[in-house]
């Protein structure tokens, strides 16, 4: 149930992913504690934080949810630090929440077929916290504006995208899509990835950020490991929606987006 709090602190953790799940568990626990100690009430980890973003490593760290080590670690950390934690992509082969498969051909040395190891989800994930409703997306989901639009209609004030953009797509797409999803829907958007590791088989772009409902980047980092903080201000969100009343000016007589999970035009 959401409260009447006017704001809360968000932390996004751009974590440098180590070679083993055990080392990543230790690091994640430390970074979560640090974020909570600095006042964060919602903390977000990257899409892949238990392993490097490579099919071989992904298969090695798969585990059941909620009975696996990673889920238990995050659950205990959430209780210990009294925070909400968004822990990247589930590694349970039966429980994927990514809607859109990253099946792309980005050149002769960068052909990715995520559908070979990932089963797409069929539902949009809305998490109701003590502060607001949060819509969740994974990496490639940020490319699809319809998804963000439905989240806004469902009452979300913050969208979280946990990703691992490539060095080819990241510099062009990551921040600009975050800003677009934020400005189009007048919500806060957090885009969180792992720190850049040039020794990894798949080199992630990093450059995590938080965009405001106005579409401005209000907090960000570059390629290094970092915790980025942003205050989610609901009074400011309301003011943006007052200044630009997009919802009331939508031409629903001309166009609409349909939420097929319940058949509602949005």
Protein backbone atom coordinates (compact mmCIF):
# COMPACT_ATOMS: atom_id res chain seq x y z
CA UNK A 1 0.00 0.00 0.00
CA UNK A 2 1.44 3.37 -1.01
CA UNK A 3 1.81 6.10 1.60
CA UNK A 4 1.46 9.88 1.50
CA UNK A 5 5.24 10.45 1.59
CA UNK A 6 6.25 13.42 -0.55
CA UNK A 7 9.56 11.90 -1.57
CA UNK A 8 12.00 9.05 -1.08
CA UNK A 9 15.60 8.33 -1.97
CA UNK A 10 16.36 5.91 -4.80
CA UNK A 11 19.74 4.24 -5.24
CA UNK A 12 20.86 2.56 -8.44
CA UNK A 13 23.90 0.32 -8.14
CA UNK A 14 26.21 0.17 -11.15
CA UNK A 15 28.14 -2.86 -9.96
CA UNK A 16 31.36 -4.23 -11.43
CA UNK A 17 30.48 -7.89 -11.88
CA UNK A 18 33.07 -10.38 -10.63
CA UNK A 19 33.90 -13.81 -12.05
CA UNK A 20 31.97 -15.92 -9.54
CA UNK A 21 28.48 -15.80 -8.07
CA UNK A 22 29.91 -16.03 -4.55
CA UNK A 23 32.04 -12.90 -5.00
CA UNK A 24 29.10 -11.05 -6.52
CA UNK A 25 26.88 -12.01 -3.60
CA UNK A 26 29.43 -10.59 -1.16
CA UNK A 27 29.76 -7.38 -3.16
CA UNK A 28 26.01 -6.93 -3.67
CA UNK A 29 25.37 -7.33 0.05
CA UNK A 30 28.00 -4.69 0.84
CA UNK A 31 26.71 -2.22 -1.74
CA UNK A 32 23.10 -2.69 -0.63
CA UNK A 33 24.12 -1.94 2.95
CA UNK A 34 26.02 1.16 1.83
CA UNK A 35 23.05 2.45 -0.19
CA UNK A 36 20.66 1.95 2.71
CA UNK A 37 23.12 3.65 5.06
CA UNK A 38 23.01 6.71 2.81
CA UNK A 39 19.24 6.95 3.07
CA UNK A 40 18.03 4.93 0.09
CA UNK A 41 14.64 3.31 0.55
CA UNK A 42 14.54 1.63 -2.87
CA UNK A 43 17.72 0.06 -4.27
CA UNK A 44 18.19 -1.34 -7.78
CA UNK A 45 20.87 -3.74 -9.00
CA UNK A 46 21.79 -4.38 -12.67
CA UNK A 47 20.14 -6.93 -14.94
CA UNK A 48 23.02 -9.38 -14.50
CA UNK A 49 24.74 -8.93 -11.15
CA UNK A 50 25.50 -12.55 -10.24
CA UNK A 51 27.46 -13.26 -13.42
CA UNK A 52 28.91 -11.66 -16.51
CA UNK A 53 26.49 -11.21 -19.38
CA UNK A 54 27.47 -14.26 -21.39
CA UNK A 55 25.37 -17.38 -22.15
CA UNK A 56 27.93 -19.73 -20.59
CA UNK A 57 27.97 -17.86 -17.29
CA UNK A 58 24.21 -17.29 -17.27
CA UNK A 59 23.53 -21.02 -17.46
CA UNK A 60 25.99 -21.66 -14.63
CA UNK A 61 24.22 -19.35 -12.17
CA UNK A 62 20.62 -20.36 -12.87
CA UNK A 63 18.77 -21.27 -9.68
CA UNK A 64 15.16 -21.66 -8.51
CA UNK A 65 13.07 -18.76 -7.20
CA UNK A 66 12.30 -18.28 -4.33
CA UNK A 67 14.44 -21.14 -3.00
CA UNK A 68 17.78 -20.18 -4.55
CA UNK A 69 20.75 -18.50 -2.88
CA UNK A 70 20.35 -15.18 -4.68
CA UNK A 71 16.70 -14.70 -3.80
CA UNK A 72 17.42 -15.54 -0.17
CA UNK A 73 20.33 -13.08 -0.13
CA UNK A 74 18.17 -10.25 -1.47
CA UNK A 75 15.28 -11.10 0.83
CA UNK A 76 17.53 -11.05 3.88
CA UNK A 77 19.23 -7.83 2.75
CA UNK A 78 15.85 -6.14 2.25
CA UNK A 79 14.77 -7.06 5.78
CA UNK A 80 18.11 -6.20 7.36
CA UNK A 81 18.34 -2.77 5.70
CA UNK A 82 14.59 -2.04 5.59
CA UNK A 83 14.60 -1.30 1.87
CA UNK A 84 12.87 -2.46 -1.29
CA UNK A 85 15.36 -4.23 -3.57
CA UNK A 86 15.05 -4.81 -7.30
CA UNK A 87 17.56 -7.53 -8.07
CA UNK A 88 18.00 -7.71 -11.79
CA UNK A 89 16.78 -10.56 -13.96
CA UNK A 90 15.60 -13.75 -12.28
CA UNK A 91 17.76 -16.74 -13.11
CA UNK A 92 14.96 -19.27 -12.72
CA UNK A 93 14.47 -20.86 -16.16
CA UNK A 94 10.73 -21.15 -15.45
CA UNK A 95 10.23 -17.55 -14.30
CA UNK A 96 11.39 -14.96 -16.77
CA UNK A 97 9.94 -11.46 -16.67
CA UNK A 98 11.64 -9.97 -19.74
CA UNK A 99 8.97 -9.32 -22.34
CA UNK A 100 11.12 -8.52 -25.37
CA UNK A 101 13.90 -10.82 -26.50
CA UNK A 102 17.19 -9.20 -27.45
CA UNK A 103 17.60 -10.99 -30.77
CA UNK A 104 19.69 -8.54 -32.79
CA UNK A 105 22.37 -8.41 -35.46
CA UNK A 106 24.64 -5.48 -34.67
CA UNK A 107 27.46 -6.42 -37.01
CA UNK A 108 29.81 -9.30 -37.88
CA UNK A 109 31.08 -9.69 -34.31
CA UNK A 110 27.96 -8.79 -32.35
CA UNK A 111 25.08 -11.11 -33.10
CA UNK A 112 22.96 -11.77 -30.01
CA UNK A 113 20.09 -14.25 -29.73
CA UNK A 114 18.73 -13.97 -26.21
CA UNK A 115 15.82 -16.28 -27.01
CA UNK A 116 18.26 -19.21 -27.06
CA UNK A 117 18.61 -19.02 -23.27
CA UNK A 118 15.67 -16.91 -22.10
CA UNK A 119 11.94 -17.60 -22.08
CA UNK A 120 9.94 -14.35 -22.54
CA UNK A 121 7.43 -13.33 -19.91
CA UNK A 122 3.80 -12.54 -20.72
CA UNK A 123 2.90 -10.02 -18.04
CA UNK A 124 3.79 -6.49 -17.08
CA UNK A 125 5.24 -6.31 -13.56
CA UNK A 126 3.95 -3.56 -11.26
CA UNK A 127 5.32 -3.47 -7.72
CA UNK A 128 3.39 -1.52 -5.10
CA UNK A 129 5.80 -0.14 -2.49
CA UNK A 130 5.30 2.09 0.54
CA UNK A 131 6.05 5.09 -1.68
CA UNK A 132 4.56 4.52 -5.12
CA UNK A 133 3.81 1.94 -7.77
CA UNK A 134 6.89 0.94 -9.74
CA UNK A 135 6.85 -0.53 -13.25
CA UNK A 136 9.65 -2.95 -14.06
CA UNK A 137 11.39 -3.56 -17.39
CA UNK A 138 14.49 -5.50 -18.41
CA UNK A 139 17.02 -4.01 -20.84
CA UNK A 140 15.48 -4.24 -24.36
CA UNK A 141 12.04 -3.45 -22.88
CA UNK A 142 13.07 0.22 -22.76
CA UNK A 143 12.88 0.33 -26.59
CA UNK A 144 9.11 -0.22 -26.52
CA UNK A 145 7.10 2.90 -25.57
CA UNK A 146 3.79 1.03 -25.34
CA UNK A 147 5.02 -0.80 -22.26
CA UNK A 148 5.88 2.42 -20.45
CA UNK A 149 2.57 3.95 -21.49
CA UNK A 150 0.63 1.09 -19.89
CA UNK A 151 2.67 1.40 -16.72
CA UNK A 152 1.76 5.09 -16.49
CA UNK A 153 -1.91 4.25 -16.98
CA UNK A 154 -1.66 1.66 -14.22
CA UNK A 155 -0.56 4.39 -11.83
CA UNK A 156 3.22 3.94 -11.79
CA UNK A 157 5.27 7.02 -10.88
CA UNK A 158 8.65 5.33 -11.31
CA UNK A 159 9.85 2.96 -14.03
CA UNK A 160 12.94 0.83 -13.52
CA UNK A 161 14.87 -0.71 -16.41
CA UNK A 162 17.68 -3.09 -15.43
CA UNK A 163 19.86 -3.61 -18.47
CA UNK A 164 23.26 -4.39 -19.93
CA UNK A 165 23.52 -2.29 -23.07
CA UNK A 166 26.28 -3.03 -25.58
CA UNK A 167 29.06 -0.59 -26.46
CA UNK A 168 27.33 -0.09 -29.82
CA UNK A 169 23.77 0.61 -28.67
CA UNK A 170 24.48 2.09 -25.25
CA UNK A 171 26.12 5.40 -26.25
CA UNK A 172 23.20 6.27 -28.54
CA UNK A 173 20.16 4.67 -26.92
CA UNK A 174 20.51 4.21 -23.15
CA UNK A 175 20.11 7.76 -21.81
CA UNK A 176 17.98 9.13 -24.63
CA UNK A 177 15.45 6.31 -24.29
CA UNK A 178 15.36 6.83 -20.53
CA UNK A 179 14.64 10.50 -21.07
CA UNK A 180 12.01 9.75 -23.71
CA UNK A 181 10.17 7.21 -21.53
CA UNK A 182 10.27 9.72 -18.66
CA UNK A 183 9.10 12.77 -20.62
CA UNK A 184 6.44 10.94 -22.65
CA UNK A 185 4.80 9.49 -19.55
CA UNK A 186 5.77 12.13 -16.96
CA UNK A 187 7.33 9.60 -14.60
CA UNK A 188 10.77 9.05 -13.10
CA UNK A 189 12.88 6.50 -14.99
CA UNK A 190 15.89 4.63 -13.61
CA UNK A 191 18.16 2.87 -16.11
CA UNK A 192 20.64 0.59 -14.35
CA UNK A 193 23.45 -1.47 -15.86
CA UNK A 194 26.68 -3.12 -14.73
CA UNK A 195 29.96 -1.22 -14.74
CA UNK A 196 32.03 -1.52 -17.90
CA UNK A 197 34.41 -4.49 -17.93
CA UNK A 198 36.60 -4.54 -21.03
CA UNK A 199 37.86 -8.04 -20.15
CA UNK A 200 34.39 -9.57 -20.25
CA UNK A 201 33.22 -11.58 -23.31
CA UNK A 202 30.28 -9.15 -23.40
CA UNK A 203 31.37 -5.62 -22.55
CA UNK A 204 28.50 -3.65 -20.97
CA UNK A 205 28.12 0.09 -21.50
CA UNK A 206 27.44 1.17 -17.92
CA UNK A 207 26.34 4.84 -17.74
CA UNK A 208 23.39 4.26 -15.41
CA UNK A 209 21.08 7.21 -14.83
CA UNK A 210 17.84 8.55 -13.41
CA UNK A 211 15.58 10.79 -15.51
CA UNK A 212 12.96 13.14 -14.07
CA UNK A 213 9.33 13.48 -15.26
CA UNK A 214 10.53 16.53 -17.19
CA UNK A 215 12.95 14.31 -19.11
CA UNK A 216 16.13 15.65 -17.52
CA UNK A 217 18.94 13.41 -16.27
CA UNK A 218 19.09 14.22 -12.55
CA UNK A 219 21.68 11.64 -11.50
CA UNK A 220 24.16 9.51 -13.43
CA UNK A 221 27.57 7.87 -13.55
CA UNK A 222 29.91 6.82 -16.33
CA UNK A 223 31.66 3.46 -16.72
CA UNK A 224 32.96 2.88 -13.19
CA UNK A 225 31.41 0.99 -10.28
CA UNK A 226 29.19 3.46 -8.43
CA UNK A 227 26.06 3.96 -6.39
CA UNK A 228 23.93 6.76 -7.83
CA UNK A 229 21.30 8.47 -5.68
CA UNK A 230 18.22 10.43 -6.71
CA UNK A 231 15.37 11.87 -4.67
CA UNK A 232 11.99 10.92 -6.13
CA UNK A 233 9.87 14.02 -5.48
CA UNK A 234 6.12 13.57 -5.91
CA UNK A 235 5.33 17.28 -5.58
CA UNK A 236 7.62 17.93 -8.55
CA UNK A 237 5.98 15.11 -10.48
CA UNK A 238 2.55 16.67 -9.89
CA UNK A 239 3.84 20.07 -10.98
CA UNK A 240 5.18 18.67 -14.26
CA UNK A 241 1.83 17.06 -14.98
CA UNK A 242 0.06 20.34 -14.16
CA UNK A 243 2.29 22.34 -16.51
CA UNK A 244 1.97 19.84 -19.36
CA UNK A 245 -1.42 18.08 -19.00
CA UNK A 246 -0.62 15.30 -21.46
CA UNK A 247 -3.19 12.85 -20.13
CA UNK A 248 -6.16 15.16 -20.67
CA UNK A 249 -4.92 16.14 -24.13
CA UNK A 250 -4.51 12.66 -25.55
CA UNK A 251 -6.69 12.10 -28.65
CA UNK A 252 -8.23 8.80 -27.62
CA UNK A 253 -10.81 9.28 -30.37
CA UNK A 254 -7.96 9.04 -32.90
CA UNK A 255 -5.47 6.58 -31.36
CA UNK A 256 -5.11 4.26 -28.39
CA UNK A 257 -2.81 1.68 -26.85
CA UNK A 258 -4.60 -1.44 -25.63
CA UNK A 259 -3.47 -3.32 -22.54
CA UNK A 260 -4.18 -6.86 -23.74
CA UNK A 261 -3.76 -8.31 -20.25
CA UNK A 262 -7.10 -6.73 -19.33
CA UNK A 263 -8.37 -5.28 -22.62
CA UNK A 264 -8.31 -1.69 -21.40
CA UNK A 265 -7.58 1.12 -23.90
CA UNK A 266 -4.96 3.48 -22.52
